[in-house]
Amino acid sequence: MTLATLLVFSLVALIAIITPGPTVLLALANGSRHGVRRALPGMLGAVLSDFVLVGAVALGLGALLAASEFWFSVVKWVGAAYLAWLGLRMLRSQGGSLSAPQGDGKAEAGADGYSARTVLFKSFLVAVTNPKGYLFCSALLPQFIDPAAAQAPQYIAIALVFALIDFLVMLAYAFAGSRAARLLRGRAVMWLDRLCGGMLLALAGSLAFYRRASN
């Protein structure tokens, strides 16, 4: 893989990632509700999912989803249901935290209900249960892989670049959410939550009706 190839991939990845999707919407909502620093675990969860997606493509799991109606449907409906659940919770927001305290609320959550583990897990689960991600990466990544060269280093390079771009885009969304909450004040967090919730519900609906290209 040449540097020019990696730069072209970076541009394509940036265009794909910067378009509002579930993980960047969560970064926006987390930034408005918790601030940029406490939105970082969610970004880490999404970055971890990037390595899962690229690894799945390298191992051929993306091709399995493209070929198997059963497994494609399983991943699709789990992802759609989880997105819908998150969207409904955000639509009902009163400006508080999405993360509810667990147990006595001391071990994992602060007084405001914030839990870094929960924020991380939500972003990770949203990304890894989205079959579009697997199909997109399965169609895109092999085009940038040199079949005559060792493939593992190329996939590692692609995964690192993809994760870095994803992190920077989510950081920008989280910062925008934080700034919007501070500038608008009052009920801004509630309305940002509801906006993101509505968009997550729309994404859940589009995922529910999504079909494999082979169909």
Protein backbone atom coordinates (compact mmCIF):
# COMPACT_ATOMS: atom_id res chain seq x y z
CA MET A 1 0.00 0.00 0.00
CA THR A 2 1.43 3.35 -1.06
CA LEU A 3 1.11 6.65 0.76
CA ALA A 4 -1.04 7.98 -2.08
CA THR A 5 -3.44 5.05 -1.67
CA LEU A 6 -3.67 5.67 2.06
CA LEU A 7 -4.38 9.37 1.49
CA VAL A 8 -7.19 8.55 -0.95
CA PHE A 9 -8.64 6.12 1.58
CA SER A 10 -8.43 8.83 4.26
CA LEU A 11 -10.46 11.21 2.11
CA VAL A 12 -13.12 8.59 1.36
CA ALA A 13 -13.29 7.60 5.03
CA LEU A 14 -13.63 11.24 6.13
CA ILE A 15 -16.55 11.80 3.77
CA ALA A 16 -18.27 8.64 5.02
CA ILE A 17 -17.66 9.32 8.73
CA ILE A 18 -18.50 13.02 8.79
CA THR A 19 -22.03 12.30 7.55
CA PRO A 20 -24.20 12.14 10.70
CA GLY A 21 -24.54 8.54 11.84
CA PRO A 22 -25.39 6.87 15.16
CA THR A 23 -21.96 7.19 16.81
CA VAL A 24 -21.40 10.83 15.89
CA LEU A 25 -24.93 11.66 17.06
CA LEU A 26 -24.13 10.03 20.38
CA ALA A 27 -20.90 12.05 20.54
CA LEU A 28 -22.93 15.22 19.91
CA ALA A 29 -25.45 14.32 22.62
CA ASN A 30 -22.77 13.25 25.10
CA GLY A 31 -20.85 16.46 24.50
CA SER A 32 -23.91 18.60 25.15
CA ARG A 33 -24.89 16.67 28.27
CA HIS A 34 -21.58 15.80 29.87
CA GLY A 35 -18.97 18.00 28.19
CA VAL A 36 -16.16 16.96 25.86
CA ARG A 37 -13.95 15.26 28.45
CA ARG A 38 -16.67 12.97 29.77
CA ALA A 39 -17.80 12.21 26.21
CA LEU A 40 -14.39 10.61 25.53
CA PRO A 41 -15.38 7.09 26.70
CA GLY A 42 -18.09 7.03 24.03
CA MET A 43 -15.52 7.97 21.40
CA LEU A 44 -13.26 5.19 22.68
CA GLY A 45 -16.14 2.72 22.34
CA ALA A 46 -16.69 3.76 18.72
CA VAL A 47 -12.95 3.54 17.99
CA LEU A 48 -12.86 0.01 19.41
CA SER A 49 -15.73 -0.88 17.11
CA ASP A 50 -13.71 0.44 14.14
CA PHE A 51 -11.03 -2.17 14.84
CA VAL A 52 -13.75 -4.83 15.10
CA LEU A 53 -15.19 -3.80 11.72
CA VAL A 54 -11.84 -3.75 9.94
CA GLY A 55 -10.84 -7.02 11.59
CA ALA A 56 -14.13 -8.59 10.50
CA VAL A 57 -13.46 -7.58 6.91
CA ALA A 58 -9.92 -8.95 7.07
CA LEU A 59 -11.27 -12.26 8.39
CA GLY A 60 -14.09 -12.40 5.83
CA LEU A 61 -16.94 -11.91 8.30
CA GLY A 62 -18.27 -8.98 6.30
CA ALA A 63 -18.59 -11.26 3.29
CA LEU A 64 -20.50 -13.73 5.48
CA LEU A 65 -23.10 -11.06 6.30
CA ALA A 66 -23.35 -10.19 2.62
CA ALA A 67 -23.95 -13.84 1.74
CA SER A 68 -26.14 -14.99 4.65
CA GLU A 69 -29.67 -13.67 4.89
CA PHE A 70 -30.06 -15.16 8.37
CA TRP A 71 -27.02 -13.57 10.00
CA PHE A 72 -27.57 -10.32 8.17
CA SER A 73 -31.11 -10.18 9.55
CA VAL A 74 -29.96 -11.04 13.09
CA VAL A 75 -27.42 -8.20 13.16
CA LYS A 76 -29.81 -5.81 11.42
CA TRP A 77 -32.72 -6.29 13.83
CA VAL A 78 -30.54 -6.20 16.93
CA GLY A 79 -28.99 -2.96 15.69
CA ALA A 80 -32.32 -1.41 14.71
CA ALA A 81 -33.91 -2.32 18.05
CA TYR A 82 -31.02 -0.86 20.03
CA LEU A 83 -31.00 2.36 18.00
CA ALA A 84 -34.76 2.70 18.46
CA TRP A 85 -34.42 2.16 22.23
CA LEU A 86 -31.73 4.84 22.49
CA GLY A 87 -33.73 7.20 20.28
CA LEU A 88 -36.86 6.84 22.39
CA ARG A 89 -34.91 7.47 25.60
CA MET A 90 -33.42 10.62 24.12
CA LEU A 91 -36.81 11.82 22.85
CA ARG A 92 -38.12 11.56 26.42
CA SER A 93 -35.13 13.49 27.75
CA GLN A 94 -35.68 16.29 30.23
CA GLY A 95 -32.10 17.48 29.89
CA GLY A 96 -30.63 14.95 32.32
CA SER A 97 -28.17 12.14 31.73
CA LEU A 98 -28.83 9.09 29.58
CA SER A 99 -26.78 7.00 31.96
CA ALA A 100 -28.83 5.88 34.92
CA PRO A 101 -27.01 4.99 38.13
CA GLN A 102 -26.59 1.28 38.68
CA GLY A 103 -26.67 -0.40 42.08
CA ASP A 104 -26.12 2.27 44.72
CA GLY A 105 -24.88 4.69 42.05
CA LYS A 106 -21.43 5.02 43.65
CA ALA A 107 -19.26 2.45 41.94
CA GLU A 108 -20.03 3.23 38.32
CA ALA A 109 -22.06 6.42 38.21
CA GLY A 110 -21.64 9.86 39.63
CA ALA A 111 -24.26 12.00 41.31
CA ASP A 112 -25.55 13.10 37.90
CA GLY A 113 -26.00 9.51 36.72
CA TYR A 114 -22.94 9.62 34.48
CA SER A 115 -21.16 6.30 33.91
CA ALA A 116 -18.07 6.16 31.69
CA ARG A 117 -18.57 2.41 31.22
CA THR A 118 -22.15 2.86 30.06
CA VAL A 119 -21.26 5.69 27.67
CA LEU A 120 -18.46 3.55 26.18
CA PHE A 121 -20.65 0.45 25.87
CA LYS A 122 -23.50 2.30 24.15
CA SER A 123 -21.31 3.71 21.40
CA PHE A 124 -19.53 0.39 20.92
CA LEU A 125 -22.76 -1.61 20.72
CA VAL A 126 -24.39 0.87 18.33
CA ALA A 127 -21.49 0.50 15.90
CA VAL A 128 -20.92 -3.27 16.05
CA THR A 129 -24.63 -4.08 15.57
CA ASN A 130 -24.92 -2.01 12.40
CA PRO A 131 -24.68 -4.36 9.38
CA LYS A 132 -24.27 -1.37 7.06
CA GLY A 133 -20.84 -0.84 8.59
CA TYR A 134 -19.73 -4.38 7.77
CA LEU A 135 -21.09 -4.26 4.23
CA PHE A 136 -19.65 -0.79 3.61
CA CYS A 137 -16.20 -1.82 4.85
CA SER A 138 -16.38 -5.11 2.93
CA ALA A 139 -17.05 -3.22 -0.29
CA LEU A 140 -14.60 -0.37 0.36
CA LEU A 141 -11.50 -1.69 2.12
CA PRO A 142 -10.41 -4.41 -0.35
CA GLN A 143 -10.15 -1.74 -3.06
CA PHE A 144 -7.23 -0.19 -1.16
CA ILE A 145 -5.46 -3.47 -0.38
CA ASP A 146 -2.55 -4.58 -2.58
CA PRO A 147 -3.10 -8.34 -3.06
CA ALA A 148 0.56 -8.83 -3.98
CA ALA A 149 1.76 -7.50 -0.61
CA ALA A 150 1.30 -8.77 2.94
CA GLN A 151 -2.29 -7.97 3.86
CA ALA A 152 -2.10 -7.83 7.67
CA PRO A 153 0.08 -4.65 7.78
CA GLN A 154 -2.20 -3.00 5.23
CA TYR A 155 -5.35 -3.72 7.24
CA ILE A 156 -3.61 -2.50 10.40
CA ALA A 157 -2.68 0.76 8.66
CA ILE A 158 -6.23 1.19 7.37
CA ALA A 159 -7.69 0.45 10.82
CA LEU A 160 -5.43 3.03 12.49
CA VAL A 161 -6.25 5.73 9.93
CA PHE A 162 -9.97 4.95 10.02
CA ALA A 163 -10.03 5.01 13.84
CA LEU A 164 -8.09 8.28 13.99
CA ILE A 165 -10.43 10.02 11.54
CA ASP A 166 -13.46 8.65 13.36
CA PHE A 167 -12.12 9.91 16.70
CA LEU A 168 -11.37 13.40 15.35
CA VAL A 169 -14.83 13.69 13.76
CA MET A 170 -16.56 12.57 16.97
CA LEU A 171 -14.40 14.99 18.96
CA ALA A 172 -15.59 17.82 16.72
CA TYR A 173 -19.24 16.76 17.18
CA ALA A 174 -18.80 16.50 20.95
CA PHE A 175 -17.20 19.95 21.04
CA ALA A 176 -20.06 21.37 18.95
CA GLY A 177 -22.60 19.84 21.33
CA SER A 178 -20.78 21.21 24.36
CA ARG A 179 -20.55 24.69 22.88
CA ALA A 180 -24.21 24.66 21.82
CA ALA A 181 -25.30 23.68 25.35
CA ARG A 182 -23.23 26.49 26.87
CA LEU A 183 -24.32 29.16 24.40
CA LEU A 184 -28.02 28.28 24.30
CA ARG A 185 -28.24 27.42 28.00
CA GLY A 186 -31.56 26.57 29.64
CA ARG A 187 -33.28 23.69 27.89
CA ALA A 188 -30.67 23.36 25.13
CA VAL A 189 -29.51 19.92 26.29
CA MET A 190 -33.07 18.61 26.27
CA TRP A 191 -33.69 19.81 22.72
CA LEU A 192 -30.34 18.53 21.49
CA ASP A 193 -31.21 15.18 23.05
CA ARG A 194 -34.58 15.15 21.31
CA LEU A 195 -33.06 16.16 17.97
CA CYS A 196 -30.49 13.37 18.22
CA GLY A 197 -33.17 10.97 19.44
CA GLY A 198 -35.37 11.71 16.44
CA MET A 199 -32.44 11.18 14.08
CA LEU A 200 -31.54 7.90 15.80
CA LEU A 201 -35.14 6.72 15.37
CA ALA A 202 -34.97 7.66 11.69
CA LEU A 203 -31.72 5.71 11.35
CA ALA A 204 -33.32 2.74 13.13
CA GLY A 205 -36.19 2.85 10.65
CA SER A 206 -33.86 3.03 7.67
CA LEU A 207 -31.88 0.10 9.07
CA ALA A 208 -35.03 -1.95 9.59
CA PHE A 209 -35.93 -1.56 5.90
CA TYR A 210 -32.35 -1.98 4.71
CA ARG A 211 -31.74 -4.88 2.32
CA ARG A 212 -28.58 -6.48 1.06
CA ALA A 213 -27.51 -5.36 -2.41
CA SER A 214 -27.67 -8.94 -3.62
CA ASN A 215 -31.38 -8.98 -2.89
